[in-house]
Amino acid sequence: MANPNIVNVAAIYGNSSQVSLTTTSATSLVSNAASSGKVYKINSITVANVDGTNAADITISVYSAAALGGTAYPIVSTVSVPADATLIVTDKTTSFYLKENQSVGATAGTASDLVVICSWEEIN
């Protein structure tokens, strides 16, 4: 897995994804392909519980390969998000870099209760 030099960047693009977690399987939030020549700066990940009654658990992991491949390394693991509440998993003060051939995924404890928004900068 390469680690692109970001001293002399050609471009920085702002991106975001919004994902409803309709299953309890891992769902991709962002994936940096192998040999992309890019590094992604993950600025924020927020999780909203849209269930008005029940709490739901969330796990957010960084994967050692693109497309949720390889080993999952949790950022947060089975954290309970109360009904009608939002969890800030990471923000600008705790941002991190996603190198080539890595990805970030979310796994819900309950299907269809959680929505995740991820914001990142694509640097190349």
N, C-alpha and C. Protein backbone atom coordinates (compact mmCIF):
# COMPACT_ATOMS: atom_id res chain seq x y z
N MET A 1 0.85 -1.16 0.00
CA MET A 1 0.00 0.00 0.00
C MET A 1 0.90 1.22 0.00
N ALA A 2 0.73 2.04 -1.01
CA ALA A 2 1.55 3.24 -1.14
C ALA A 2 1.01 4.36 -0.27
N ASN A 3 1.88 5.28 0.03
CA ASN A 3 1.51 6.45 0.81
C ASN A 3 1.89 7.68 -0.03
N PRO A 4 0.97 8.19 -0.85
CA PRO A 4 1.29 9.29 -1.75
C PRO A 4 1.82 10.52 -1.01
N ASN A 5 2.79 11.19 -1.62
CA ASN A 5 3.35 12.42 -1.09
C ASN A 5 2.33 13.54 -1.27
N ILE A 6 1.95 14.21 -0.19
CA ILE A 6 0.94 15.27 -0.29
C ILE A 6 1.55 16.66 -0.15
N VAL A 7 2.87 16.77 -0.29
CA VAL A 7 3.50 18.08 -0.22
C VAL A 7 3.17 18.91 -1.45
N ASN A 8 3.26 18.31 -2.63
CA ASN A 8 2.99 19.02 -3.89
C ASN A 8 1.71 18.51 -4.52
N VAL A 9 0.58 18.78 -3.90
CA VAL A 9 -0.69 18.27 -4.41
C VAL A 9 -1.13 19.04 -5.65
N ALA A 10 -1.78 18.33 -6.55
CA ALA A 10 -2.34 18.94 -7.75
C ALA A 10 -3.77 19.41 -7.51
N ALA A 11 -4.50 18.68 -6.67
CA ALA A 11 -5.90 19.03 -6.43
C ALA A 11 -6.37 18.45 -5.10
N ILE A 12 -7.35 19.12 -4.51
CA ILE A 12 -8.04 18.63 -3.33
C ILE A 12 -9.53 18.78 -3.60
N TYR A 13 -10.24 17.65 -3.53
CA TYR A 13 -11.68 17.65 -3.80
C TYR A 13 -12.44 17.29 -2.54
N GLY A 14 -13.49 18.04 -2.23
CA GLY A 14 -14.35 17.74 -1.10
C GLY A 14 -15.39 16.71 -1.49
N ASN A 15 -15.62 15.73 -0.63
CA ASN A 15 -16.57 14.66 -0.89
C ASN A 15 -17.37 14.34 0.37
N SER A 16 -18.55 13.76 0.16
CA SER A 16 -19.31 13.22 1.28
C SER A 16 -20.18 12.09 0.78
N SER A 17 -20.50 11.19 1.68
CA SER A 17 -21.42 10.10 1.37
C SER A 17 -22.44 10.00 2.49
N GLN A 18 -23.64 9.60 2.11
CA GLN A 18 -24.73 9.40 3.05
C GLN A 18 -25.24 7.99 2.84
N VAL A 19 -25.27 7.20 3.92
CA VAL A 19 -25.64 5.79 3.80
C VAL A 19 -26.66 5.43 4.88
N SER A 20 -27.79 4.86 4.45
CA SER A 20 -28.74 4.27 5.38
C SER A 20 -28.33 2.81 5.58
N LEU A 21 -28.12 2.41 6.80
CA LEU A 21 -27.67 1.05 7.10
C LEU A 21 -28.89 0.14 7.17
N THR A 22 -29.24 -0.44 6.04
CA THR A 22 -30.46 -1.26 5.94
C THR A 22 -30.23 -2.72 6.31
N THR A 23 -28.98 -3.10 6.58
CA THR A 23 -28.66 -4.47 7.01
C THR A 23 -27.74 -4.39 8.22
N THR A 24 -27.43 -5.55 8.77
CA THR A 24 -26.46 -5.60 9.87
C THR A 24 -25.10 -6.08 9.37
N SER A 25 -24.91 -6.07 8.07
CA SER A 25 -23.61 -6.38 7.47
C SER A 25 -22.82 -5.09 7.28
N ALA A 26 -21.51 -5.20 7.16
CA ALA A 26 -20.68 -4.02 6.93
C ALA A 26 -21.07 -3.34 5.62
N THR A 27 -21.16 -2.02 5.67
CA THR A 27 -21.52 -1.20 4.52
C THR A 27 -20.41 -0.19 4.29
N SER A 28 -19.97 -0.06 3.06
CA SER A 28 -18.88 0.86 2.74
C SER A 28 -19.31 2.31 2.84
N LEU A 29 -18.46 3.12 3.49
CA LEU A 29 -18.65 4.57 3.52
C LEU A 29 -17.76 5.25 2.50
N VAL A 30 -16.49 4.83 2.45
CA VAL A 30 -15.52 5.37 1.50
C VAL A 30 -14.44 4.33 1.27
N SER A 31 -13.97 4.24 0.02
CA SER A 31 -12.95 3.27 -0.33
C SER A 31 -11.92 3.95 -1.23
N ASN A 32 -10.64 3.79 -0.88
CA ASN A 32 -9.55 4.33 -1.67
C ASN A 32 -8.89 3.15 -2.39
N ALA A 33 -9.05 3.11 -3.70
CA ALA A 33 -8.58 1.98 -4.50
C ALA A 33 -7.06 1.84 -4.46
N ALA A 34 -6.59 0.64 -4.64
CA ALA A 34 -5.15 0.38 -4.76
C ALA A 34 -4.62 1.12 -5.97
N SER A 35 -3.43 1.68 -5.84
CA SER A 35 -2.77 2.41 -6.93
C SER A 35 -3.56 3.63 -7.41
N SER A 36 -4.38 4.21 -6.55
CA SER A 36 -5.16 5.40 -6.93
C SER A 36 -4.29 6.64 -7.05
N GLY A 37 -3.14 6.63 -6.36
CA GLY A 37 -2.30 7.82 -6.33
C GLY A 37 -2.89 8.92 -5.46
N LYS A 38 -3.85 8.57 -4.61
CA LYS A 38 -4.55 9.54 -3.78
C LYS A 38 -4.47 9.16 -2.31
N VAL A 39 -4.64 10.15 -1.47
CA VAL A 39 -4.84 9.92 -0.05
C VAL A 39 -6.12 10.67 0.31
N TYR A 40 -6.94 10.08 1.19
CA TYR A 40 -8.18 10.70 1.61
C TYR A 40 -8.03 11.15 3.06
N LYS A 41 -8.38 12.39 3.31
CA LYS A 41 -8.41 12.89 4.69
C LYS A 41 -9.85 12.82 5.16
N ILE A 42 -10.12 11.92 6.09
CA ILE A 42 -11.47 11.74 6.62
C ILE A 42 -11.69 12.82 7.68
N ASN A 43 -12.60 13.75 7.38
CA ASN A 43 -12.84 14.89 8.26
C ASN A 43 -13.91 14.63 9.31
N SER A 44 -14.97 13.94 8.92
CA SER A 44 -16.04 13.70 9.90
C SER A 44 -16.84 12.47 9.55
N ILE A 45 -17.30 11.80 10.59
CA ILE A 45 -18.25 10.70 10.47
C ILE A 45 -19.29 10.91 11.56
N THR A 46 -20.55 11.03 11.16
CA THR A 46 -21.64 11.16 12.12
C THR A 46 -22.67 10.07 11.87
N VAL A 47 -23.27 9.62 12.96
CA VAL A 47 -24.27 8.55 12.88
C VAL A 47 -25.54 9.07 13.55
N ALA A 48 -26.65 9.02 12.82
CA ALA A 48 -27.95 9.44 13.36
C ALA A 48 -28.85 8.22 13.52
N ASN A 49 -29.49 8.12 14.68
CA ASN A 49 -30.47 7.07 14.91
C ASN A 49 -31.83 7.64 14.55
N VAL A 50 -32.45 7.09 13.50
CA VAL A 50 -33.74 7.60 13.01
C VAL A 50 -34.93 6.87 13.64
N ASP A 51 -34.64 5.92 14.53
CA ASP A 51 -35.69 5.21 15.25
C ASP A 51 -36.12 6.08 16.42
N GLY A 52 -37.38 6.37 16.52
CA GLY A 52 -37.88 7.24 17.59
C GLY A 52 -38.04 6.58 18.93
N THR A 53 -37.82 5.26 19.00
CA THR A 53 -38.06 4.54 20.24
C THR A 53 -36.84 3.81 20.80
N ASN A 54 -36.08 3.16 19.92
CA ASN A 54 -35.03 2.25 20.37
C ASN A 54 -33.62 2.73 20.05
N ALA A 55 -32.71 2.44 20.97
CA ALA A 55 -31.29 2.69 20.71
C ALA A 55 -30.79 1.64 19.72
N ALA A 56 -29.68 1.95 19.04
CA ALA A 56 -29.08 1.00 18.10
C ALA A 56 -27.57 1.12 18.20
N ASP A 57 -26.88 -0.01 18.05
CA ASP A 57 -25.42 -0.04 18.14
C ASP A 57 -24.79 0.21 16.77
N ILE A 58 -23.61 0.86 16.80
CA ILE A 58 -22.85 1.13 15.58
C ILE A 58 -21.39 0.74 15.79
N THR A 59 -20.80 0.17 14.75
CA THR A 59 -19.36 -0.07 14.70
C THR A 59 -18.85 0.58 13.43
N ILE A 60 -17.83 1.43 13.54
CA ILE A 60 -17.17 2.04 12.39
C ILE A 60 -15.74 1.53 12.39
N SER A 61 -15.30 1.00 11.24
CA SER A 61 -13.96 0.40 11.16
C SER A 61 -13.20 0.91 9.94
N VAL A 62 -11.88 0.95 10.08
CA VAL A 62 -10.98 1.15 8.96
C VAL A 62 -10.53 -0.24 8.53
N TYR A 63 -10.63 -0.51 7.24
CA TYR A 63 -10.25 -1.82 6.69
C TYR A 63 -8.89 -1.71 6.03
N SER A 64 -8.11 -2.78 6.15
CA SER A 64 -6.74 -2.78 5.63
C SER A 64 -6.68 -2.92 4.11
N ALA A 65 -7.82 -3.07 3.45
CA ALA A 65 -7.87 -3.15 1.99
C ALA A 65 -9.11 -2.40 1.50
N ALA A 66 -9.09 -2.02 0.24
CA ALA A 66 -10.23 -1.32 -0.37
C ALA A 66 -11.46 -2.21 -0.37
N ALA A 67 -12.63 -1.61 -0.54
CA ALA A 67 -13.91 -2.32 -0.66
C ALA A 67 -14.18 -3.26 0.51
N LEU A 68 -13.85 -2.81 1.72
CA LEU A 68 -14.07 -3.55 2.96
C LEU A 68 -13.31 -4.87 3.00
N GLY A 69 -12.18 -4.93 2.31
CA GLY A 69 -11.35 -6.13 2.32
C GLY A 69 -10.35 -6.10 3.45
N GLY A 70 -9.70 -7.20 3.66
CA GLY A 70 -8.66 -7.28 4.68
C GLY A 70 -9.23 -7.31 6.08
N THR A 71 -8.47 -6.76 7.01
CA THR A 71 -8.83 -6.77 8.43
C THR A 71 -9.52 -5.47 8.81
N ALA A 72 -10.56 -5.58 9.63
CA ALA A 72 -11.28 -4.41 10.15
C ALA A 72 -10.66 -3.97 11.47
N TYR A 73 -10.35 -2.67 11.57
CA TYR A 73 -9.81 -2.08 12.79
C TYR A 73 -10.82 -1.04 13.29
N PRO A 74 -11.58 -1.35 14.33
CA PRO A 74 -12.65 -0.45 14.78
C PRO A 74 -12.15 0.90 15.29
N ILE A 75 -12.86 1.94 14.87
CA ILE A 75 -12.68 3.29 15.44
C ILE A 75 -13.60 3.38 16.65
N VAL A 76 -14.84 2.94 16.47
CA VAL A 76 -15.80 2.75 17.56
C VAL A 76 -16.39 1.36 17.40
N SER A 77 -16.64 0.69 18.51
CA SER A 77 -17.13 -0.69 18.45
C SER A 77 -18.37 -0.85 19.30
N THR A 78 -19.45 -1.24 18.68
CA THR A 78 -20.76 -1.47 19.32
C THR A 78 -21.12 -0.36 20.30
N VAL A 79 -21.03 0.88 19.82
CA VAL A 79 -21.43 2.03 20.63
C VAL A 79 -22.93 2.25 20.44
N SER A 80 -23.63 2.40 21.54
CA SER A 80 -25.07 2.59 21.49
C SER A 80 -25.40 4.04 21.13
N VAL A 81 -26.25 4.20 20.11
CA VAL A 81 -26.75 5.53 19.73
C VAL A 81 -28.21 5.59 20.20
N PRO A 82 -28.52 6.47 21.15
CA PRO A 82 -29.90 6.54 21.67
C PRO A 82 -30.91 6.89 20.57
N ALA A 83 -32.16 6.57 20.82
CA ALA A 83 -33.23 6.91 19.88
C ALA A 83 -33.23 8.40 19.59
N ASP A 84 -33.42 8.75 18.32
CA ASP A 84 -33.48 10.15 17.87
C ASP A 84 -32.26 10.98 18.29
N ALA A 85 -31.09 10.35 18.34
CA ALA A 85 -29.86 11.04 18.73
C ALA A 85 -28.80 10.88 17.64
N THR A 86 -27.75 11.69 17.76
CA THR A 86 -26.65 11.64 16.81
C THR A 86 -25.34 11.43 17.56
N LEU A 87 -24.48 10.59 16.99
CA LEU A 87 -23.15 10.33 17.54
C LEU A 87 -22.12 10.90 16.58
N ILE A 88 -21.23 11.73 17.08
CA ILE A 88 -20.11 12.22 16.28
C ILE A 88 -18.95 11.27 16.53
N VAL A 89 -18.63 10.46 15.52
CA VAL A 89 -17.56 9.47 15.66
C VAL A 89 -16.21 10.16 15.52
N THR A 90 -16.08 11.01 14.51
CA THR A 90 -14.85 11.78 14.33
C THR A 90 -15.21 13.11 13.69
N ASP A 91 -14.40 14.13 13.99
CA ASP A 91 -14.61 15.45 13.40
C ASP A 91 -13.25 16.03 13.02
N LYS A 92 -13.22 17.29 12.64
CA LYS A 92 -11.97 17.91 12.17
C LYS A 92 -10.84 17.80 13.20
N THR A 93 -11.17 17.75 14.48
CA THR A 93 -10.11 17.67 15.50
C THR A 93 -9.54 16.26 15.64
N THR A 94 -10.25 15.26 15.10
CA THR A 94 -9.77 13.88 15.18
C THR A 94 -9.73 13.23 13.80
N SER A 95 -9.51 14.04 12.77
CA SER A 95 -9.48 13.52 11.40
C SER A 95 -8.32 12.54 11.24
N PHE A 96 -8.39 11.72 10.19
CA PHE A 96 -7.32 10.76 9.92
C PHE A 96 -7.20 10.56 8.41
N TYR A 97 -6.10 9.96 7.99
CA TYR A 97 -5.83 9.73 6.57
C TYR A 97 -6.12 8.28 6.20
N LEU A 98 -6.69 8.12 5.01
CA LEU A 98 -6.96 6.81 4.43
C LEU A 98 -6.05 6.66 3.21
N LYS A 99 -5.06 5.77 3.32
CA LYS A 99 -4.10 5.58 2.24
C LYS A 99 -4.70 4.71 1.14
N GLU A 100 -3.91 4.55 0.07
CA GLU A 100 -4.33 3.67 -1.02
C GLU A 100 -4.63 2.28 -0.47
N ASN A 101 -5.62 1.63 -1.08
CA ASN A 101 -6.01 0.27 -0.72
C ASN A 101 -6.46 0.15 0.74
N GLN A 102 -7.25 1.12 1.18
CA GLN A 102 -7.89 1.08 2.49
C GLN A 102 -9.33 1.56 2.32
N SER A 103 -10.17 1.25 3.30
CA SER A 103 -11.56 1.66 3.24
C SER A 103 -12.12 1.86 4.65
N VAL A 104 -13.27 2.52 4.71
CA VAL A 104 -13.98 2.73 5.97
C VAL A 104 -15.38 2.16 5.81
N GLY A 105 -15.82 1.39 6.81
CA GLY A 105 -17.15 0.79 6.75
C GLY A 105 -17.90 0.93 8.06
N ALA A 106 -19.22 0.79 7.96
CA ALA A 106 -20.11 0.90 9.12
C ALA A 106 -20.94 -0.37 9.23
N THR A 107 -21.11 -0.84 10.47
CA THR A 107 -21.93 -2.01 10.73
C THR A 107 -22.95 -1.66 11.81
N ALA A 108 -24.22 -1.83 11.48
CA ALA A 108 -25.30 -1.53 12.42
C ALA A 108 -25.67 -2.77 13.22
N GLY A 109 -26.04 -2.55 14.47
CA GLY A 109 -26.54 -3.64 15.30
C GLY A 109 -27.98 -3.98 14.97
N THR A 110 -28.70 -3.00 14.41
CA THR A 110 -30.10 -3.18 14.03
C THR A 110 -30.29 -2.58 12.64
N ALA A 111 -30.91 -3.31 11.75
CA ALA A 111 -31.12 -2.83 10.39
C ALA A 111 -32.12 -1.67 10.35
N SER A 112 -31.85 -0.71 9.48
CA SER A 112 -32.75 0.40 9.13
C SER A 112 -32.98 1.42 10.24
N ASP A 113 -32.12 1.44 11.26
CA ASP A 113 -32.25 2.43 12.33
C ASP A 113 -31.22 3.55 12.25
N LEU A 114 -30.13 3.33 11.50
CA LEU A 114 -29.02 4.28 11.52
C LEU A 114 -28.70 4.82 10.14
N VAL A 115 -28.33 6.10 10.11
CA VAL A 115 -27.87 6.78 8.90
C VAL A 115 -26.50 7.35 9.21
N VAL A 116 -25.53 7.13 8.30
CA VAL A 116 -24.17 7.59 8.51
C VAL A 116 -23.79 8.59 7.42
N ILE A 117 -23.17 9.68 7.83
CA ILE A 117 -22.65 10.67 6.88
C ILE A 117 -21.14 10.78 7.11
N CYS A 118 -20.40 10.66 6.02
CA CYS A 118 -18.95 10.73 6.05
C CYS A 118 -18.49 11.85 5.11
N SER A 119 -17.59 12.69 5.60
CA SER A 119 -17.05 13.80 4.81
C SER A 119 -15.53 13.64 4.72
N TRP A 120 -14.98 13.81 3.50
CA TRP A 120 -13.53 13.64 3.33
C TRP A 120 -13.00 14.50 2.18
N GLU A 121 -11.69 14.70 2.22
CA GLU A 121 -10.98 15.39 1.16
C GLU A 121 -10.16 14.38 0.37
N GLU A 122 -10.32 14.38 -0.94
CA GLU A 122 -9.54 13.53 -1.83
C GLU A 122 -8.34 14.36 -2.29
N ILE A 123 -7.15 13.93 -1.91
CA ILE A 123 -5.93 14.69 -2.17
C ILE A 123 -5.10 13.94 -3.20
N ASN A 124 -4.76 14.63 -4.32
CA ASN A 124 -3.89 14.01 -5.31
C ASN A 124 -3.00 15.02 -5.99
